[in-house]
Amino acid sequence: MRPVHTAAAQCLAGPVPARAPTIRTATMQQSLGAHFIVAAGWISRQMERRRSRRALLEMTDDQLKDIGLSRSEAYSESIRRLWD
C-alpha cells in the first residue's frame, strides 16, 4: 500500500516525533550555557564594583579620611570605567 502524503493525512497521523539532540548539539548547548553563566557572573561583579565606587561619593570627609581617601580621590574612583 502506498503512503498518503496529503496534509490531512499527516494531521491525522499525529505530530512527527522529535529527534533527540546529537551529542555535538548537547555539548554545544552545555558550552553556551557555561559561557552564559560566566558572563553573568562577570557582569554581576562589575556592577557590584560600580556600586562600591559610587558609594564613596556618599561618604562624608571624615569617613573618607578613615579609609585613607580624599574627596578628589573618591570622585576619581567613582568615574572610572566599568572594566577598570
PDB file of N, CA and C in Angstrom:
ATOM      1  N   MET A   1       0.839  -1.169   0.000  1.00  0.00           N
ATOM      2  CA  MET A   1       0.000   0.000   0.000  1.00  0.00           C
ATOM      3  C   MET A   1       0.892   1.243   0.000  1.00  0.00           C
ATOM      4  N   ARG A   2       0.504   2.206  -0.765  1.00  0.00           N
ATOM      5  CA  ARG A   2       1.264   3.425  -0.922  1.00  0.00           C
ATOM      6  C   ARG A   2       0.922   4.424   0.184  1.00  0.00           C
ATOM      7  N   PRO A   3       1.952   5.081   0.813  1.00  0.00           N
ATOM      8  CA  PRO A   3       1.644   6.056   1.866  1.00  0.00           C
ATOM      9  C   PRO A   3       0.974   7.292   1.286  1.00  0.00           C
ATOM     10  N   VAL A   4       0.098   7.892   2.067  1.00  0.00           N
ATOM     11  CA  VAL A   4      -0.617   9.085   1.660  1.00  0.00           C
ATOM     12  C   VAL A   4       0.184  10.301   2.126  1.00  0.00           C
ATOM     13  N   HIS A   5       0.456  11.237   1.210  1.00  0.00           N
ATOM     14  CA  HIS A   5       1.287  12.397   1.531  1.00  0.00           C
ATOM     15  C   HIS A   5       0.497  13.693   1.531  1.00  0.00           C
ATOM     16  N   THR A   6      -0.729  13.660   1.925  1.00  0.00           N
ATOM     17  CA  THR A   6      -1.505  14.893   1.966  1.00  0.00           C
ATOM     18  C   THR A   6      -1.401  15.508   3.345  1.00  0.00           C
ATOM     19  N   ALA A   7      -1.682  16.796   3.443  1.00  0.00           N
ATOM     20  CA  ALA A   7      -1.628  17.494   4.717  1.00  0.00           C
ATOM     21  C   ALA A   7      -2.651  16.924   5.688  1.00  0.00           C
ATOM     22  N   ALA A   8      -3.824  16.555   5.188  1.00  0.00           N
ATOM     23  CA  ALA A   8      -4.860  15.991   6.056  1.00  0.00           C
ATOM     24  C   ALA A   8      -4.408  14.657   6.634  1.00  0.00           C
ATOM     25  N   ALA A   9      -3.771  13.835   5.835  1.00  0.00           N
ATOM     26  CA  ALA A   9      -3.298  12.536   6.314  1.00  0.00           C
ATOM     27  C   ALA A   9      -2.203  12.716   7.354  1.00  0.00           C
ATOM     28  N   GLN A  10      -1.347  13.687   7.147  1.00  0.00           N
ATOM     29  CA  GLN A  10      -0.287  13.924   8.118  1.00  0.00           C
ATOM     30  C   GLN A  10      -0.865  14.466   9.425  1.00  0.00           C
ATOM     31  N   CYS A  11      -1.877  15.279   9.326  1.00  0.00           N
ATOM     32  CA  CYS A  11      -2.517  15.827  10.515  1.00  0.00           C
ATOM     33  C   CYS A  11      -3.176  14.716  11.326  1.00  0.00           C
ATOM     34  N   LEU A  12      -3.818  13.766  10.647  1.00  0.00           N
ATOM     35  CA  LEU A  12      -4.466  12.659  11.328  1.00  0.00           C
ATOM     36  C   LEU A  12      -3.445  11.692  11.924  1.00  0.00           C
ATOM     37  N   ALA A  13      -2.281  11.596  11.315  1.00  0.00           N
ATOM     38  CA  ALA A  13      -1.261  10.674  11.791  1.00  0.00           C
ATOM     39  C   ALA A  13      -0.622  11.159  13.089  1.00  0.00           C
ATOM     40  N   GLY A  14      -0.729  12.431  13.385  1.00  0.00           N
ATOM     41  CA  GLY A  14      -0.155  12.965  14.614  1.00  0.00           C
ATOM     42  C   GLY A  14       1.158  13.674  14.352  1.00  0.00           C
ATOM     43  N   PRO A  15       1.706  14.249  15.405  1.00  0.00           N
ATOM     44  CA  PRO A  15       2.947  15.003  15.236  1.00  0.00           C
ATOM     45  C   PRO A  15       4.123  14.076  14.933  1.00  0.00           C
ATOM     46  N   VAL A  16       5.068  14.616  14.234  1.00  0.00           N
ATOM     47  CA  VAL A  16       6.274  13.866  13.936  1.00  0.00           C
ATOM     48  C   VAL A  16       7.112  13.824  15.207  1.00  0.00           C
ATOM     49  N   PRO A  17       7.566  12.638  15.598  1.00  0.00           N
ATOM     50  CA  PRO A  17       8.346  12.571  16.844  1.00  0.00           C
ATOM     51  C   PRO A  17       9.639  13.379  16.718  1.00  0.00           C
ATOM     52  N   ALA A  18       9.964  14.103  17.778  1.00  0.00           N
ATOM     53  CA  ALA A  18      11.175  14.921  17.774  1.00  0.00           C
ATOM     54  C   ALA A  18      12.392  14.027  17.922  1.00  0.00           C
ATOM     55  N   ARG A  19      13.427  14.399  17.191  1.00  0.00           N
ATOM     56  CA  ARG A  19      14.657  13.630  17.297  1.00  0.00           C
ATOM     57  C   ARG A  19      15.424  14.095  18.526  1.00  0.00           C
ATOM     58  N   ALA A  20      16.104  13.163  19.156  1.00  0.00           N
ATOM     59  CA  ALA A  20      16.944  13.515  20.293  1.00  0.00           C
ATOM     60  C   ALA A  20      18.139  14.313  19.779  1.00  0.00           C
ATOM     61  N   PRO A  21      18.580  15.306  20.540  1.00  0.00           N
ATOM     62  CA  PRO A  21      19.724  16.084  20.078  1.00  0.00           C
ATOM     63  C   PRO A  21      20.964  15.208  19.996  1.00  0.00           C
ATOM     64  N   THR A  22      21.777  15.493  19.032  1.00  0.00           N
ATOM     65  CA  THR A  22      23.006  14.728  18.895  1.00  0.00           C
ATOM     66  C   THR A  22      23.962  15.112  20.016  1.00  0.00           C
ATOM     67  N   ILE A  23      24.975  14.328  20.192  1.00  0.00           N
ATOM     68  CA  ILE A  23      25.945  14.606  21.251  1.00  0.00           C
ATOM     69  C   ILE A  23      26.602  15.959  21.018  1.00  0.00           C
ATOM     70  N   ARG A  24      26.904  16.253  19.760  1.00  0.00           N
ATOM     71  CA  ARG A  24      27.549  17.519  19.444  1.00  0.00           C
ATOM     72  C   ARG A  24      26.643  18.699  19.804  1.00  0.00           C
ATOM     73  N   THR A  25      25.354  18.589  19.495  1.00  0.00           N
ATOM     74  CA  THR A  25      24.412  19.655  19.816  1.00  0.00           C
ATOM     75  C   THR A  25      24.289  19.821  21.329  1.00  0.00           C
ATOM     76  N   ALA A  26      24.197  18.719  22.045  1.00  0.00           N
ATOM     77  CA  ALA A  26      24.078  18.788  23.504  1.00  0.00           C
ATOM     78  C   ALA A  26      25.328  19.408  24.117  1.00  0.00           C
ATOM     79  N   THR A  27      26.489  19.039  23.605  1.00  0.00           N
ATOM     80  CA  THR A  27      27.735  19.602  24.118  1.00  0.00           C
ATOM     81  C   THR A  27      27.811  21.092  23.839  1.00  0.00           C
ATOM     82  N   MET A  28      27.375  21.508  22.663  1.00  0.00           N
ATOM     83  CA  MET A  28      27.386  22.924  22.316  1.00  0.00           C
ATOM     84  C   MET A  28      26.433  23.697  23.232  1.00  0.00           C
ATOM     85  N   GLN A  29      25.280  23.132  23.516  1.00  0.00           N
ATOM     86  CA  GLN A  29      24.324  23.799  24.405  1.00  0.00           C
ATOM     87  C   GLN A  29      24.900  23.927  25.808  1.00  0.00           C
ATOM     88  N   GLN A  30      25.582  22.894  26.283  1.00  0.00           N
ATOM     89  CA  GLN A  30      26.206  22.956  27.607  1.00  0.00           C
ATOM     90  C   GLN A  30      27.304  24.015  27.627  1.00  0.00           C
ATOM     91  N   SER A  31      28.072  24.085  26.551  1.00  0.00           N
ATOM     92  CA  SER A  31      29.147  25.064  26.465  1.00  0.00           C
ATOM     93  C   SER A  31      28.592  26.485  26.459  1.00  0.00           C
ATOM     94  N   LEU A  32      27.545  26.698  25.673  1.00  0.00           N
ATOM     95  CA  LEU A  32      26.927  28.026  25.645  1.00  0.00           C
ATOM     96  C   LEU A  32      26.339  28.383  27.002  1.00  0.00           C
ATOM     97  N   GLY A  33      25.733  27.407  27.659  1.00  0.00           N
ATOM     98  CA  GLY A  33      25.186  27.651  28.995  1.00  0.00           C
ATOM     99  C   GLY A  33      26.275  28.026  29.981  1.00  0.00           C
ATOM    100  N   ALA A  34      27.409  27.335  29.909  1.00  0.00           N
ATOM    101  CA  ALA A  34      28.529  27.639  30.799  1.00  0.00           C
ATOM    102  C   ALA A  34      29.076  29.039  30.516  1.00  0.00           C
ATOM    103  N   HIS A  35      29.189  29.396  29.236  1.00  0.00           N
ATOM    104  CA  HIS A  35      29.670  30.728  28.885  1.00  0.00           C
ATOM    105  C   HIS A  35      28.696  31.810  29.356  1.00  0.00           C
ATOM    106  N   PHE A  36      27.420  31.533  29.275  1.00  0.00           N
ATOM    107  CA  PHE A  36      26.415  32.484  29.743  1.00  0.00           C
ATOM    108  C   PHE A  36      26.549  32.706  31.249  1.00  0.00           C
ATOM    109  N   ILE A  37      26.761  31.633  31.996  1.00  0.00           N
ATOM    110  CA  ILE A  37      26.903  31.741  33.450  1.00  0.00           C
ATOM    111  C   ILE A  37      28.148  32.550  33.805  1.00  0.00           C
ATOM    112  N   VAL A  38      29.241  32.312  33.101  1.00  0.00           N
ATOM    113  CA  VAL A  38      30.469  33.064  33.342  1.00  0.00           C
ATOM    114  C   VAL A  38      30.255  34.544  33.043  1.00  0.00           C
ATOM    115  N   ALA A  39      29.608  34.840  31.923  1.00  0.00           N
ATOM    116  CA  ALA A  39      29.354  36.235  31.546  1.00  0.00           C
ATOM    117  C   ALA A  39      28.443  36.918  32.563  1.00  0.00           C
ATOM    118  N   ALA A  40      27.425  36.221  33.018  1.00  0.00           N
ATOM    119  CA  ALA A  40      26.515  36.798  34.012  1.00  0.00           C
ATOM    120  C   ALA A  40      27.251  37.085  35.318  1.00  0.00           C
ATOM    121  N   GLY A  41      28.149  36.195  35.708  1.00  0.00           N
ATOM    122  CA  GLY A  41      28.948  36.418  36.917  1.00  0.00           C
ATOM    123  C   GLY A  41      29.856  37.625  36.779  1.00  0.00           C
ATOM    124  N   TRP A  42      30.479  37.777  35.597  1.00  0.00           N
ATOM    125  CA  TRP A  42      31.360  38.916  35.354  1.00  0.00           C
ATOM    126  C   TRP A  42      30.567  40.214  35.440  1.00  0.00           C
ATOM    127  N   ILE A  43      29.410  40.248  34.810  1.00  0.00           N
ATOM    128  CA  ILE A  43      28.575  41.456  34.840  1.00  0.00           C
ATOM    129  C   ILE A  43      28.162  41.781  36.272  1.00  0.00           C
ATOM    130  N   SER A  44      27.813  40.756  37.023  1.00  0.00           N
ATOM    131  CA  SER A  44      27.414  40.964  38.418  1.00  0.00           C
ATOM    132  C   SER A  44      28.558  41.563  39.235  1.00  0.00           C
ATOM    133  N   ARG A  45      29.773  41.042  39.058  1.00  0.00           N
ATOM    134  CA  ARG A  45      30.929  41.582  39.786  1.00  0.00           C
ATOM    135  C   ARG A  45      31.218  43.026  39.392  1.00  0.00           C
ATOM    136  N   GLN A  46      31.091  43.333  38.107  1.00  0.00           N
ATOM    137  CA  GLN A  46      31.353  44.693  37.645  1.00  0.00           C
ATOM    138  C   GLN A  46      30.314  45.670  38.193  1.00  0.00           C
ATOM    139  N   MET A  47      29.068  45.250  38.262  1.00  0.00           N
ATOM    140  CA  MET A  47      28.025  46.124  38.802  1.00  0.00           C
ATOM    141  C   MET A  47      28.232  46.355  40.302  1.00  0.00           C
ATOM    142  N   GLU A  48      28.675  45.331  41.024  1.00  0.00           N
ATOM    143  CA  GLU A  48      28.959  45.495  42.449  1.00  0.00           C
ATOM    144  C   GLU A  48      30.129  46.465  42.641  1.00  0.00           C
ATOM    145  N   ARG A  49      31.148  46.352  41.788  1.00  0.00           N
ATOM    146  CA  ARG A  49      32.285  47.270  41.857  1.00  0.00           C
ATOM    147  C   ARG A  49      31.809  48.699  41.610  1.00  0.00           C
ATOM    148  N   ARG A  50      30.913  48.872  40.658  1.00  0.00           N
ATOM    149  CA  ARG A  50      30.398  50.219  40.361  1.00  0.00           C
ATOM    150  C   ARG A  50      29.608  50.773  41.540  1.00  0.00           C
ATOM    151  N   ARG A  51      28.777  49.924  42.161  1.00  0.00           N
ATOM    152  CA  ARG A  51      28.015  50.381  43.340  1.00  0.00           C
ATOM    153  C   ARG A  51      28.960  50.811  44.460  1.00  0.00           C
ATOM    154  N   SER A  52      30.039  50.064  44.647  1.00  0.00           N
ATOM    155  CA  SER A  52      31.006  50.404  45.693  1.00  0.00           C
ATOM    156  C   SER A  52      31.693  51.728  45.396  1.00  0.00           C
ATOM    157  N   ARG A  53      32.049  51.930  44.141  1.00  0.00           N
ATOM    158  CA  ARG A  53      32.708  53.178  43.758  1.00  0.00           C
ATOM    159  C   ARG A  53      31.766  54.364  43.925  1.00  0.00           C
ATOM    160  N   ARG A  54      30.509  54.182  43.567  1.00  0.00           N
ATOM    161  CA  ARG A  54      29.543  55.276  43.701  1.00  0.00           C
ATOM    162  C   ARG A  54      29.230  55.560  45.174  1.00  0.00           C
ATOM    163  N   ALA A  55      29.332  54.547  46.029  1.00  0.00           N
ATOM    164  CA  ALA A  55      29.078  54.743  47.455  1.00  0.00           C
ATOM    165  C   ALA A  55      30.123  55.663  48.073  1.00  0.00           C
ATOM    166  N   LEU A  56      31.316  55.711  47.488  1.00  0.00           N
ATOM    167  CA  LEU A  56      32.343  56.610  48.001  1.00  0.00           C
ATOM    168  C   LEU A  56      31.887  58.063  47.949  1.00  0.00           C
ATOM    169  N   LEU A  57      31.097  58.414  46.952  1.00  0.00           N
ATOM    170  CA  LEU A  57      30.628  59.790  46.830  1.00  0.00           C
ATOM    171  C   LEU A  57      29.656  60.180  47.937  1.00  0.00           C
ATOM    172  N   GLU A  58      29.007  59.205  48.514  1.00  0.00           N
ATOM    173  CA  GLU A  58      28.026  59.486  49.561  1.00  0.00           C
ATOM    174  C   GLU A  58      28.653  59.582  50.946  1.00  0.00           C
ATOM    175  N   MET A  59      29.935  59.239  51.045  1.00  0.00           N
ATOM    176  CA  MET A  59      30.621  59.284  52.347  1.00  0.00           C
ATOM    177  C   MET A  59      30.995  60.716  52.710  1.00  0.00           C
ATOM    178  N   THR A  60      31.048  60.965  54.001  1.00  0.00           N
ATOM    179  CA  THR A  60      31.495  62.272  54.485  1.00  0.00           C
ATOM    180  C   THR A  60      33.016  62.331  54.400  1.00  0.00           C
ATOM    181  N   ASP A  61      33.553  63.529  54.557  1.00  0.00           N
ATOM    182  CA  ASP A  61      35.005  63.701  54.521  1.00  0.00           C
ATOM    183  C   ASP A  61      35.688  62.922  55.646  1.00  0.00           C
ATOM    184  N   ASP A  62      35.059  62.873  56.803  1.00  0.00           N
ATOM    185  CA  ASP A  62      35.632  62.114  57.927  1.00  0.00           C
ATOM    186  C   ASP A  62      35.664  60.614  57.621  1.00  0.00           C
ATOM    187  N   GLN A  63      34.606  60.107  57.007  1.00  0.00           N
ATOM    188  CA  GLN A  63      34.579  58.694  56.645  1.00  0.00           C
ATOM    189  C   GLN A  63      35.646  58.378  55.599  1.00  0.00           C
ATOM    190  N   LEU A  64      35.791  59.267  54.624  1.00  0.00           N
ATOM    191  CA  LEU A  64      36.822  59.064  53.608  1.00  0.00           C
ATOM    192  C   LEU A  64      38.217  59.110  54.235  1.00  0.00           C
ATOM    193  N   LYS A  65      38.410  60.010  55.198  1.00  0.00           N
ATOM    194  CA  LYS A  65      39.700  60.114  55.879  1.00  0.00           C
ATOM    195  C   LYS A  65      40.014  58.819  56.634  1.00  0.00           C
ATOM    196  N   ASP A  66      38.977  58.208  57.207  1.00  0.00           N
ATOM    197  CA  ASP A  66      39.170  56.944  57.937  1.00  0.00           C
ATOM    198  C   ASP A  66      39.689  55.827  57.030  1.00  0.00           C
ATOM    199  N   ILE A  67      39.287  55.843  55.771  1.00  0.00           N
ATOM    200  CA  ILE A  67      39.752  54.785  54.863  1.00  0.00           C
ATOM    201  C   ILE A  67      40.927  55.249  54.003  1.00  0.00           C
ATOM    202  N   GLY A  68      41.415  56.473  54.265  1.00  0.00           N
ATOM    203  CA  GLY A  68      42.617  56.953  53.606  1.00  0.00           C
ATOM    204  C   GLY A  68      42.419  57.533  52.230  1.00  0.00           C
ATOM    205  N   LEU A  69      41.245  58.113  51.984  1.00  0.00           N
ATOM    206  CA  LEU A  69      40.971  58.735  50.689  1.00  0.00           C
ATOM    207  C   LEU A  69      40.596  60.195  50.870  1.00  0.00           C
ATOM    208  N   SER A  70      40.911  60.978  49.865  1.00  0.00           N
ATOM    209  CA  SER A  70      40.454  62.366  49.850  1.00  0.00           C
ATOM    210  C   SER A  70      39.183  62.428  49.002  1.00  0.00           C
ATOM    211  N   ARG A  71      38.510  63.576  49.029  1.00  0.00           N
ATOM    212  CA  ARG A  71      37.291  63.752  48.246  1.00  0.00           C
ATOM    213  C   ARG A  71      37.607  63.633  46.751  1.00  0.00           C
ATOM    214  N   SER A  72      38.728  64.183  46.302  1.00  0.00           N
ATOM    215  CA  SER A  72      39.083  64.117  44.883  1.00  0.00           C
ATOM    216  C   SER A  72      39.422  62.679  44.464  1.00  0.00           C
ATOM    217  N   GLU A  73      40.060  61.912  45.336  1.00  0.00           N
ATOM    218  CA  GLU A  73      40.343  60.505  45.017  1.00  0.00           C
ATOM    219  C   GLU A  73      39.056  59.688  44.926  1.00  0.00           C
ATOM    220  N   ALA A  74      38.110  59.986  45.812  1.00  0.00           N
ATOM    221  CA  ALA A  74      36.818  59.299  45.767  1.00  0.00           C
ATOM    222  C   ALA A  74      36.080  59.627  44.476  1.00  0.00           C
ATOM    223  N   TYR A  75      36.140  60.882  44.058  1.00  0.00           N
ATOM    224  CA  TYR A  75      35.495  61.273  42.808  1.00  0.00           C
ATOM    225  C   TYR A  75      36.165  60.589  41.620  1.00  0.00           C
ATOM    226  N   SER A  76      37.489  60.588  41.611  1.00  0.00           N
ATOM    227  CA  SER A  76      38.231  59.938  40.525  1.00  0.00           C
ATOM    228  C   SER A  76      37.893  58.450  40.445  1.00  0.00           C
ATOM    229  N   GLU A  77      37.764  57.823  41.588  1.00  0.00           N
ATOM    230  CA  GLU A  77      37.422  56.393  41.620  1.00  0.00           C
ATOM    231  C   GLU A  77      36.003  56.163  41.120  1.00  0.00           C
ATOM    232  N   SER A  78      35.096  57.073  41.432  1.00  0.00           N
ATOM    233  CA  SER A  78      33.691  56.875  41.061  1.00  0.00           C
ATOM    234  C   SER A  78      33.435  57.013  39.572  1.00  0.00           C
ATOM    235  N   ILE A  79      34.288  57.757  38.866  1.00  0.00           N
ATOM    236  CA  ILE A  79      34.053  57.956  37.431  1.00  0.00           C
ATOM    237  C   ILE A  79      34.865  57.004  36.565  1.00  0.00           C
ATOM    238  N   ARG A  80      35.558  56.063  37.183  1.00  0.00           N
ATOM    239  CA  ARG A  80      36.323  55.097  36.397  1.00  0.00           C
ATOM    240  C   ARG A  80      35.392  54.232  35.558  1.00  0.00           C
ATOM    241  N   ARG A  81      35.921  53.708  34.468  1.00  0.00           N
ATOM    242  CA  ARG A  81      35.138  52.841  33.603  1.00  0.00           C
ATOM    243  C   ARG A  81      34.786  51.546  34.322  1.00  0.00           C
ATOM    244  N   LEU A  82      33.764  50.890  33.869  1.00  0.00           N
ATOM    245  CA  LEU A  82      33.277  49.671  34.491  1.00  0.00           C
ATOM    246  C   LEU A  82      34.331  48.577  34.498  1.00  0.00           C
ATOM    247  N   TRP A  83      35.122  48.464  33.442  1.00  0.00           N
ATOM    248  CA  TRP A  83      36.078  47.370  33.318  1.00  0.00           C
ATOM    249  C   TRP A  83      37.463  47.715  33.881  1.00  0.00           C
ATOM    250  N   ASP A  84      37.646  48.941  34.391  1.00  0.00           N
ATOM    251  CA  ASP A  84      38.937  49.313  35.002  1.00  0.00           C
ATOM    252  C   ASP A  84      39.087  48.678  36.350  1.00  0.00           C
TER     253      ASP A  84
END
